Protein backbone atom coordinates (compact mmCIF):
# COMPACT_ATOMS: atom_id res chain seq x y z
CA UNK A 1 39.98 74.41 25.55
CA UNK A 2 38.49 73.35 28.88
CA UNK A 3 35.98 70.52 29.69
CA UNK A 4 33.25 72.60 29.47
CA UNK A 5 33.94 74.01 26.04
CA UNK A 6 33.75 70.54 23.99
CA UNK A 7 31.16 70.87 21.54
CA UNK A 8 27.56 69.80 22.14
CA UNK A 9 27.85 67.45 19.41
CA UNK A 10 30.65 65.02 20.85
CA UNK A 11 28.41 62.94 23.01
CA UNK A 12 26.27 62.23 20.10
CA UNK A 13 29.15 60.97 17.80
CA UNK A 14 30.30 58.87 20.73
CA UNK A 15 26.76 57.38 20.78
CA UNK A 16 26.41 56.91 17.28
CA UNK A 17 29.77 55.08 16.86
CA UNK A 18 29.15 52.82 19.74
CA UNK A 19 25.16 52.23 18.06
CA UNK A 20 26.87 51.26 14.59
CA UNK A 21 29.29 48.81 16.50
CA UNK A 22 26.43 47.09 18.36
CA UNK A 23 24.46 47.26 14.65
CA UNK A 24 27.90 45.43 13.36
CA UNK A 25 27.88 43.23 15.70
CA UNK A 26 24.18 42.01 15.90
CA UNK A 27 24.06 41.31 12.09
CA UNK A 28 27.42 38.98 12.50
CA UNK A 29 25.21 36.86 15.11
CA UNK A 30 22.41 36.79 13.11
CA UNK A 31 24.45 35.80 9.86
CA UNK A 32 26.00 32.78 11.80
CA UNK A 33 22.81 31.70 13.36
CA UNK A 34 21.45 31.60 9.92
CA UNK A 35 24.48 30.00 8.85
CA UNK A 36 24.19 27.37 11.30
CA UNK A 37 20.15 26.85 11.04
CA UNK A 38 21.12 26.68 6.89
CA UNK A 39 23.86 24.02 7.25
CA UNK A 40 21.46 21.81 9.99
CA UNK A 41 18.97 22.12 7.15
CA UNK A 42 21.60 20.65 4.20
CA UNK A 43 22.47 17.62 6.41
CA UNK A 44 19.06 16.80 7.56
CA UNK A 45 17.84 16.49 3.89
CA UNK A 46 21.10 14.40 3.22
CA UNK A 47 20.28 12.19 5.83
CA UNK A 48 16.48 11.88 5.95
CA UNK A 49 15.34 13.26 2.72
CA UNK A 50 11.21 13.10 2.26
CA UNK A 51 8.59 14.72 -0.37
CA UNK A 52 5.19 15.20 0.21
CA UNK A 53 4.41 12.17 -2.07
CA UNK A 54 7.27 10.14 -2.54
CA UNK A 55 9.31 8.16 0.38
CA UNK A 56 13.14 7.97 -0.68
CA UNK A 57 13.98 4.45 0.75
CA UNK A 58 17.73 5.05 0.02
CA UNK A 59 18.10 7.47 2.94
CA UNK A 60 18.41 6.01 6.33
CA UNK A 61 14.83 7.53 7.25
CA UNK A 62 12.98 5.69 5.13
CA UNK A 63 9.59 4.91 6.99
CA UNK A 64 6.64 4.20 5.05
CA UNK A 65 4.27 3.96 7.48
CA UNK A 66 5.54 7.44 9.34
CA UNK A 67 5.06 9.41 6.45
CA UNK A 68 1.35 7.75 5.73
CA UNK A 69 -0.17 10.74 6.41
CA UNK A 70 1.76 12.56 3.63
CA UNK A 71 1.59 10.05 1.24
CA UNK A 72 -1.05 9.40 -1.50
CA UNK A 73 -2.50 6.10 -2.27
CA UNK A 74 -1.41 6.06 -5.85
CA UNK A 75 1.75 6.99 -5.76
CA UNK A 76 2.94 3.88 -3.54
CA UNK A 77 4.48 1.72 -5.99
CA UNK A 78 7.12 -0.70 -5.70
CA UNK A 79 9.38 2.16 -5.19
CA UNK A 80 8.25 2.72 -1.67
CA UNK A 81 9.63 -1.16 -1.03
CA UNK A 82 12.00 -1.24 1.82
CA UNK A 83 13.45 -4.23 3.67
CA UNK A 84 12.89 -3.99 7.31
CA UNK A 85 16.02 -6.29 8.51
CA UNK A 86 18.56 -4.59 6.41
CA UNK A 87 17.17 -0.97 6.04
CA UNK A 88 18.78 0.71 8.95
CA UNK A 89 22.13 -1.89 8.78
CA UNK A 90 24.49 1.24 8.86
CA UNK A 91 22.89 4.13 10.99
CA UNK A 92 25.37 3.10 13.44
CA UNK A 93 27.43 5.21 11.10
CA UNK A 94 25.99 8.27 12.24
CA UNK A 95 26.88 10.38 15.19
CA UNK A 96 23.32 11.48 16.14
CA UNK A 97 19.79 11.67 14.48
CA UNK A 98 17.92 14.70 13.53
CA UNK A 99 15.29 15.13 16.38
CA UNK A 100 12.74 14.30 13.69
CA UNK A 101 13.91 10.79 12.71
CA UNK A 102 11.20 8.43 12.06
CA UNK A 103 10.60 5.62 14.88
CA UNK A 104 11.88 2.78 13.07
CA UNK A 105 15.25 4.72 12.77
CA UNK A 106 15.35 6.09 16.49
CA UNK A 107 14.73 1.92 17.44
CA UNK A 108 17.65 1.33 14.99
CA UNK A 109 20.23 3.77 16.17
CA UNK A 110 19.73 3.07 19.88
CA UNK A 111 19.14 -0.34 19.89
CA UNK A 112 21.30 -1.81 16.79
CA UNK A 113 21.20 -5.56 15.82
CA UNK A 114 24.03 -7.23 15.96
CA UNK A 115 23.15 -10.88 13.69
CA UNK A 116 26.58 -12.65 14.77
CA UNK A 117 26.12 -11.91 18.42
CA UNK A 118 24.39 -14.40 21.62
CA UNK A 119 20.76 -14.35 22.60
CA UNK A 120 22.08 -13.32 26.24
CA UNK A 121 21.39 -15.55 29.22
CA UNK A 122 18.88 -13.56 30.69
CA UNK A 123 15.36 -14.20 31.99
CA UNK A 124 12.92 -11.52 32.48
CA UNK A 125 9.39 -11.61 33.99
CA UNK A 126 6.97 -9.60 35.51
CA UNK A 127 4.68 -9.27 38.57
CA UNK A 128 2.58 -7.29 40.76
CA UNK A 129 5.55 -7.24 43.82
CA UNK A 130 8.46 -8.82 43.75
CA UNK A 131 9.10 -12.77 44.04
CA UNK A 132 10.16 -12.51 48.08
CA UNK A 133 7.14 -10.17 48.48
CA UNK A 134 4.50 -11.43 51.42
CA UNK A 135 1.93 -10.70 48.45
CA UNK A 136 3.34 -13.10 45.69
CA UNK A 137 0.95 -15.92 45.12
CA UNK A 138 1.93 -19.22 46.05
CA UNK A 139 0.71 -20.83 42.62
CA UNK A 140 3.20 -19.08 40.96
CA UNK A 141 6.11 -20.12 43.04
CA UNK A 142 6.27 -23.20 41.47
CA UNK A 143 5.97 -21.63 37.99
CA UNK A 144 9.18 -18.57 39.16
CA UNK A 145 11.42 -21.15 40.39
CA UNK A 146 11.27 -23.78 37.17
CA UNK A 147 12.87 -20.72 35.33
CA UNK A 148 15.74 -20.20 37.90
CA UNK A 149 16.36 -24.32 38.78
CA UNK A 150 16.42 -25.05 35.34
CA UNK A 151 18.55 -22.16 34.13
CA UNK A 152 21.21 -21.50 36.97
CA UNK A 153 23.58 -20.13 34.57
CA UNK A 154 21.11 -17.71 33.59
CA UNK A 155 20.30 -13.96 35.12
CA UNK A 156 16.78 -14.29 35.90
CA UNK A 157 14.85 -10.80 36.84
CA UNK A 158 11.56 -9.88 37.72
CA UNK A 159 10.17 -6.90 37.39
CA UNK A 160 7.50 -5.51 39.49
CA UNK A 161 4.43 -3.35 38.08
CA UNK A 162 5.81 0.02 39.73
CA UNK A 163 8.84 -0.27 38.19
CA UNK A 164 7.50 -0.77 34.85
CA UNK A 165 7.06 3.12 34.12
CA UNK A 166 10.54 4.09 35.41
CA UNK A 167 11.75 1.30 33.76
CA UNK A 168 10.46 2.06 29.98
CA UNK A 169 11.11 6.00 30.40
CA UNK A 170 14.60 5.18 31.19
CA UNK A 171 15.18 2.64 28.69
CA UNK A 172 13.84 4.30 25.77
CA UNK A 173 14.68 8.01 26.73
CA UNK A 174 15.92 8.53 23.27
CA UNK A 175 12.28 6.86 21.92
CA UNK A 176 10.05 9.63 23.18
CA UNK A 177 7.09 8.19 20.54
CA UNK A 178 7.63 4.41 22.30
CA UNK A 179 7.24 6.87 25.48
CA UNK A 180 4.16 8.53 24.26
CA UNK A 181 2.69 5.45 23.26
CA UNK A 182 3.57 3.97 26.63
CA UNK A 183 1.87 6.47 28.82
CA UNK A 184 -0.87 6.72 26.19
CA UNK A 185 -2.33 2.75 26.53
CA UNK A 186 -5.17 3.00 28.48
CA UNK A 187 -5.05 -1.04 29.95
CA UNK A 188 -2.75 -2.90 31.84
CA UNK A 189 -3.49 -5.90 29.48
CA UNK A 190 -2.03 -3.44 26.64
CA UNK A 191 1.19 -2.26 28.82
CA UNK A 192 1.81 -6.19 29.83
CA UNK A 193 1.89 -7.39 26.27
CA UNK A 194 4.24 -4.00 25.04
CA UNK A 195 6.52 -4.36 27.83
CA UNK A 196 7.62 -7.86 26.66
CA UNK A 197 8.85 -6.87 23.49
CA UNK A 198 10.14 -3.54 24.47
CA UNK A 199 12.40 -5.64 27.14
CA UNK A 200 13.51 -8.43 24.80
CA UNK A 201 14.12 -6.26 22.17
CA UNK A 202 16.11 -3.69 24.05
CA UNK A 203 18.17 -6.40 26.18
CA UNK A 204 17.46 -9.76 24.43
CA UNK A 205 17.34 -13.15 25.92
CA UNK A 206 13.64 -14.59 27.09
CA UNK A 207 10.83 -13.16 28.35
CA UNK A 208 7.89 -15.43 29.51
CA UNK A 209 4.87 -14.94 31.93
CA UNK A 210 4.68 -15.62 35.55
CA UNK A 211 2.05 -18.44 34.62
CA UNK A 212 4.48 -20.66 32.71
CA UNK A 213 6.73 -23.40 33.59
CA UNK A 214 10.08 -24.06 32.13
CA UNK A 215 10.00 -27.67 30.83
CA UNK A 216 14.09 -27.72 29.70
CA UNK A 217 17.50 -26.22 30.30
CA UNK A 218 16.77 -23.18 27.55
CA UNK A 219 20.40 -23.94 26.55
CA UNK A 220 18.96 -27.68 25.14
CA UNK A 221 15.95 -25.75 23.03
CA UNK A 222 15.81 -26.38 19.57
CA UNK A 223 17.38 -22.76 18.87
CA UNK A 224 20.46 -24.40 19.83
CA UNK A 225 20.17 -27.26 18.16
CA UNK A 226 22.45 -28.06 14.97
CA UNK A 227 19.77 -31.08 13.72
CA UNK A 228 17.13 -28.69 13.32
CA UNK A 229 19.12 -26.88 10.81
CA UNK A 230 19.45 -29.67 7.91
CA UNK A 231 18.25 -28.43 4.32
CA UNK A 232 14.65 -29.34 4.40
CA UNK A 233 14.36 -27.23 7.78
CA UNK A 234 15.63 -23.89 6.04
CA UNK A 235 13.55 -21.82 3.68
CA UNK A 236 14.11 -21.46 0.50
CA UNK A 237 13.24 -18.23 -1.42
CA UNK A 238 10.74 -18.81 -3.89
CA UNK A 239 10.31 -22.36 -3.05
CA UNK A 240 6.78 -21.94 -1.29
CA UNK A 241 7.78 -24.69 1.21
CA UNK A 242 4.95 -25.97 3.28
CA UNK A 243 7.05 -27.27 6.37
CA UNK A 244 3.85 -28.84 8.36
CA UNK A 245 4.27 -31.79 4.84
CA UNK A 246 7.80 -31.02 4.05
CA UNK A 247 9.52 -31.62 7.10
CA UNK A 248 7.28 -34.12 9.06
CA UNK A 249 9.04 -36.44 10.93
CA UNK A 250 9.74 -39.98 9.30
CA UNK A 251 8.49 -42.87 11.66
CA UNK A 252 12.02 -43.77 12.35
CA UNK A 253 12.84 -40.23 13.84
CA UNK A 254 9.19 -40.09 16.04
CA UNK A 255 10.57 -43.29 17.88
CA UNK A 256 13.99 -41.86 18.55
CA UNK A 257 12.44 -38.63 19.89
CA UNK A 258 9.82 -40.53 22.03
CA UNK A 259 12.31 -42.80 23.15
CA UNK A 260 14.97 -39.89 24.07
CA UNK A 261 17.48 -41.85 21.56
CA UNK A 262 18.50 -38.89 19.44
CA UNK A 263 21.61 -37.82 21.50
CA UNK A 264 21.22 -33.78 21.84
CA UNK A 265 24.78 -33.10 23.40
CA UNK A 266 26.05 -34.04 20.17
CA UNK A 267 23.84 -31.50 18.27
CA UNK A 268 24.33 -28.65 20.42
CA UNK A 269 26.66 -25.80 19.02
CA UNK A 270 27.65 -22.35 19.68
CA UNK A 271 25.21 -19.87 21.17
CA UNK A 272 26.14 -16.94 18.97
CA UNK A 273 25.70 -18.84 15.51
CA UNK A 274 22.56 -19.04 13.43
CA UNK A 275 19.28 -18.29 15.19
CA UNK A 276 18.22 -14.48 16.17
CA UNK A 277 14.50 -15.22 17.00
CA UNK A 278 12.30 -17.42 17.98
CA UNK A 279 8.11 -18.03 17.18
CA UNK A 280 6.16 -20.59 18.03
CA UNK A 281 2.62 -21.98 17.07
CA UNK A 282 -0.20 -21.28 19.53
CA UNK A 283 -3.06 -22.53 17.31
CA UNK A 284 -3.23 -23.74 14.08
CA UNK A 285 -7.12 -24.61 13.81
CA UNK A 286 -8.03 -26.57 10.91
CA UNK A 287 -11.92 -26.27 11.01
CA UNK A 288 -14.08 -23.88 9.51
CA UNK A 289 -15.13 -21.80 12.24
CA UNK A 290 -11.48 -21.05 13.07
CA UNK A 291 -11.89 -16.91 12.83
CA UNK A 292 -14.60 -16.82 15.86
CA UNK A 293 -12.09 -18.30 18.25
CA UNK A 294 -8.83 -17.59 17.08
CA UNK A 295 -7.06 -14.55 16.00
CA UNK A 296 -5.45 -16.10 12.98
CA UNK A 297 -5.53 -18.97 10.68
CA UNK A 298 -1.89 -19.50 12.49
CA UNK A 299 -1.33 -17.73 15.33
CA UNK A 300 1.67 -17.25 17.03
CA UNK A 301 2.97 -17.35 20.97
CA UNK A 302 3.82 -14.45 22.86
CA UNK A 303 3.36 -15.51 26.43
CA UNK A 304 6.71 -16.49 25.62
CA UNK A 305 9.55 -14.13 24.01
CA UNK A 306 12.69 -15.21 22.62
CA UNK A 307 15.30 -13.32 20.65
CA UNK A 308 18.67 -11.40 20.45
CA UNK A 309 19.08 -7.56 21.45
CA UNK A 310 17.31 -5.43 18.56
CA UNK A 311 16.15 -7.79 16.20
CA UNK A 312 14.62 -5.82 13.38
CA UNK A 313 11.32 -7.90 13.67
CA UNK A 314 10.60 -6.85 17.05
CA UNK A 315 11.73 -3.47 16.06
CA UNK A 316 8.84 -3.46 12.84
CA UNK A 317 6.35 -4.94 15.68
CA UNK A 318 7.55 -2.03 18.15
CA UNK A 319 7.06 0.86 15.37
CA UNK A 320 3.68 -0.68 14.67
CA UNK A 321 2.18 -0.88 18.02
CA UNK A 322 3.50 3.13 18.48
CA UNK A 323 1.76 3.86 15.33
CA UNK A 324 -1.34 2.25 16.21
CA UNK A 325 -1.67 3.82 19.46
CA UNK A 326 -0.37 7.58 18.26
CA UNK A 327 -3.18 6.75 15.71
CA UNK A 328 -5.88 6.11 18.29
CA UNK A 329 -4.37 9.12 20.06
CA UNK A 330 -5.07 11.36 17.47
CA UNK A 331 -8.49 10.04 16.62
CA UNK A 332 -9.20 10.09 19.96
CA UNK A 333 -10.37 6.68 19.97
CA UNK A 334 -7.99 5.50 22.89
CA UNK A 335 -10.71 3.86 25.15
CA UNK A 336 -13.07 2.96 22.26
CA UNK A 337 -13.25 -0.30 21.20
CA UNK A 338 -12.36 -1.45 17.53
CA UNK A 339 -13.26 -4.31 15.37
CA UNK A 340 -15.36 -7.21 16.65
CA UNK A 341 -15.35 -7.00 19.93
CA UNK A 342 -12.71 -5.40 23.48
CA UNK A 343 -10.81 -8.79 23.00
CA UNK A 344 -10.27 -8.60 19.05
CA UNK A 345 -9.59 -4.85 19.75
CA UNK A 346 -6.25 -5.99 22.33
CA UNK A 347 -5.45 -8.80 19.85
CA UNK A 348 -4.96 -6.41 17.08
CA UNK A 349 -3.30 -3.69 19.35
CA UNK A 350 -0.90 -5.31 21.09
CA UNK A 351 -1.51 -9.06 21.32
CA UNK A 352 -1.06 -12.13 19.08
CA UNK A 353 -3.03 -10.56 16.04
CA UNK A 354 -0.40 -7.56 15.54
CA UNK A 355 2.18 -10.03 16.97
CA UNK A 356 1.73 -12.92 13.95
CA UNK A 357 0.74 -10.22 10.76
CA UNK A 358 3.80 -8.69 11.53
CA UNK A 359 6.09 -11.98 12.07
CA UNK A 360 4.51 -12.80 8.22
CA UNK A 361 5.15 -9.48 7.12
CA UNK A 362 8.56 -9.33 8.08
CA UNK A 363 9.40 -12.87 6.76
CA UNK A 364 7.51 -12.09 3.46
CA UNK A 365 9.59 -9.03 3.00
CA UNK A 366 12.62 -10.62 3.40
CA UNK A 367 11.88 -12.53 0.21
CA UNK A 368 9.64 -9.73 -1.55
CA UNK A 369 12.78 -9.11 -4.25
CA UNK A 370 12.14 -12.63 -5.24
CA UNK A 371 8.12 -12.70 -4.82
CA UNK A 372 6.84 -9.04 -6.12
CA UNK A 373 8.12 -10.81 -10.18
CA UNK A 374 5.09 -13.18 -9.53
CA UNK A 375 2.90 -10.85 -7.13
CA UNK A 376 2.44 -7.16 -8.45
CA UNK A 377 -0.06 -6.30 -5.81
CA UNK A 378 2.10 -6.70 -2.45
CA UNK A 379 1.80 -2.86 -1.28
CA UNK A 380 5.32 -2.46 -1.54
CA UNK A 381 6.46 -5.52 0.65
CA UNK A 382 5.19 -4.15 3.47
CA UNK A 383 2.62 -7.21 3.88
CA UNK A 384 -1.49 -7.00 4.75
CA UNK A 385 -1.48 -7.45 8.81
CA UNK A 386 -1.94 -4.98 11.55
CA UNK A 387 -0.08 -1.33 10.90
CA UNK A 388 1.34 -2.48 7.33
CA UNK A 389 0.50 0.10 4.40
CA UNK A 390 -2.61 -1.85 3.09
CA UNK A 391 -4.04 -2.24 6.55
CA UNK A 392 -3.84 1.77 7.01
CA UNK A 393 -4.48 2.70 3.58
CA UNK A 394 -7.62 0.91 3.39
CA UNK A 395 -8.47 1.80 7.17
CA UNK A 396 -9.32 -1.81 8.49
CA UNK A 397 -9.61 -0.77 12.12
CA UNK A 398 -13.21 -0.41 10.84
CA UNK A 399 -13.66 -3.76 10.17
CA UNK A 400 -15.84 -5.96 12.60
CA UNK A 401 -15.34 -9.14 11.15
CA UNK A 402 -12.03 -10.35 9.22
CA UNK A 403 -11.46 -10.53 5.94
CA UNK A 404 -12.00 -14.07 4.47
CA UNK A 405 -11.65 -15.44 1.16
CA UNK A 406 -15.25 -17.38 0.08
CA UNK A 407 -13.65 -20.44 0.85
CA UNK A 408 -13.17 -18.95 4.96
CA UNK A 409 -9.45 -18.79 4.39
CA UNK A 410 -6.93 -15.81 4.85
CA UNK A 411 -8.10 -12.85 1.94
CA UNK A 412 -4.64 -11.91 0.86
CA UNK A 413 -2.60 -15.13 2.34
CA UNK A 414 -3.02 -16.48 -1.40
CA UNK A 415 -0.83 -13.47 -2.05
CA UNK A 416 2.17 -14.16 0.06
CA UNK A 417 5.35 -15.85 0.02
CA UNK A 418 4.96 -17.10 2.93
CA UNK A 419 1.46 -17.52 4.76
CA UNK A 420 -0.27 -19.98 7.03
CA UNK A 421 0.04 -22.98 4.69
CA UNK A 422 3.88 -22.62 4.96
CA UNK A 423 3.48 -23.90 9.01
CA UNK A 424 0.14 -25.41 9.21
CA UNK A 425 0.96 -29.04 10.68
CA UNK A 426 4.44 -28.32 11.87
CA UNK A 427 5.78 -30.90 13.72
CA UNK A 428 9.66 -29.90 13.69
CA UNK A 429 11.33 -26.29 14.06
CA UNK A 430 11.48 -24.50 10.98
CA UNK A 431 13.71 -21.90 10.01
CA UNK A 432 13.53 -18.91 8.05
CA UNK A 433 16.47 -16.58 7.64
CA UNK A 434 17.51 -16.37 11.36
CA UNK A 435 13.99 -16.71 12.76
CA UNK A 436 13.41 -20.60 14.27
CA UNK A 437 9.76 -21.62 14.00
CA UNK A 438 8.59 -23.86 16.32
CA UNK A 439 5.76 -26.47 16.16
CA UNK A 440 3.04 -25.62 18.55
CA UNK A 441 4.32 -28.54 21.19
CA UNK A 442 7.03 -26.36 21.94
CA UNK A 443 5.40 -23.73 23.84
CA UNK A 444 1.97 -25.45 23.72
CA UNK A 445 2.22 -28.90 25.09
CA UNK A 446 -0.29 -30.66 26.57
CA UNK A 447 -3.49 -28.98 24.84
CA UNK A 448 -5.31 -31.97 23.24
CA UNK A 449 -5.92 -30.70 20.25
CA UNK A 450 -4.44 -28.99 17.08
CA UNK A 451 -1.43 -31.85 17.10
CA UNK A 452 0.04 -31.34 20.30
CA UNK A 453 1.82 -33.55 21.78
CA UNK A 454 2.75 -34.05 25.87
CA UNK A 455 4.91 -32.28 27.69
CA UNK A 456 7.52 -35.40 27.98
CA UNK A 457 8.17 -34.68 24.41
CA UNK A 458 11.21 -33.81 23.19
CA UNK A 459 10.42 -30.43 21.58
CA UNK A 460 8.05 -29.46 24.54
CA UNK A 461 10.07 -26.43 26.35
CA UNK A 462 7.41 -24.41 28.04
CA UNK A 463 3.97 -25.28 29.15
CA UNK A 464 1.30 -22.26 29.93
CA UNK A 465 -1.21 -22.59 32.53
CA UNK A 466 -3.42 -20.22 31.09
CA UNK A 467 -4.13 -18.13 34.34
CA UNK A 468 -4.27 -14.91 32.80
CA UNK A 469 -1.57 -13.38 34.99
CA UNK A 470 -1.69 -9.89 33.39
CA UNK A 471 -5.34 -9.73 34.14
CA UNK A 472 -6.95 -8.03 37.71
CA UNK A 473 -7.51 -10.54 40.61
CA UNK A 474 -11.33 -10.46 39.87
CA UNK A 475 -10.97 -11.79 36.27
CA UNK A 476 -8.54 -14.45 36.37
CA UNK A 477 -9.29 -18.19 36.95
């Protein structure tokens, strides 16, 4: 049989065989893809499990505020409680995170907290231009050099404004929600606040505004001084200690401080020990109209921030700021003033308001197991401040005035294990877990009120000039 005598159906059968083989390969590819997707879903479910109404706090992904949109107020029982410090301690065991991991998990995974590490010898500041630029203000030359000259063994970095966006995008490239929040902020002051938390969280060390003087070498600050670690300085869970009364200096100690005869050198201890973060009192207004002048009854300083890398208090703070920003973005209110006025809006968004609230909520959260026995209304142990479950469920951002009791005191503070009463009148550093709380003199000496002492005081470490270095030139004093 020659070529031309081959039956016509030969080519048809040949193409049928080819098409059958293609179909078999296609089905195998589809089955393989389906298996991969199924396996990914199973693994994601095991690591980051949520349901529409109940938050699984036993998984790495427990993040109540992140899942708030899927939560029902009546379902938020004590089972939703999670420990802000230890929740993600083992997250480093994962090789990678699912792309939908909550922001707290992303922060913990990329910036793990090592409580045994040292506070890095790093100082960070920001300004419009580098310090050697011709337009660097002469009035800030002295404050800038005070940090340099008193801490010669520290790295001192001034990051100019035109580098901030690039720095945040690079440093937090694996935490896209942080970048989205940063890019969404409509004002310089918001980014100025946010940056200080981000840089200390990611690198550790000390951040301080350009209009601050370093009065003493950082290594001599109370955070590295073991004499402030006595029993009366450390918080005992369940005790509701009032440090302003319990740890006041006696007359002899006061005179030793004034004369400088307390011999700091013998009390200094290894940098890697004890303290993970430092808070300092900015305001302690003991007056009936305090709410008209200050964001909080006890307000913490954020012109100087000091912590170890990845500290969980800063993680919680950053997460709350991200959530607040994205809430405003979703509602279309990024440029709308919430609260009493524009100043109050900034205070609660990125400033001392949310900073102070998060600090108190975090400290109370650490002792939730002890406090819940006598307080069943503690909203899953996340507190009452800006960004807490209580705040979000109650849509407290709509309030024009601070919530107060009939006596003019902060609402809910009587339900908290640690509140403003714990630190009012504080004269000596107090310690809660690995956080040291400094008295008003430490970062606000010489203000002439609220118990602030002079710059020569033993506990005076930073002086703030109140120039508003983050403000545009037209608004600065």
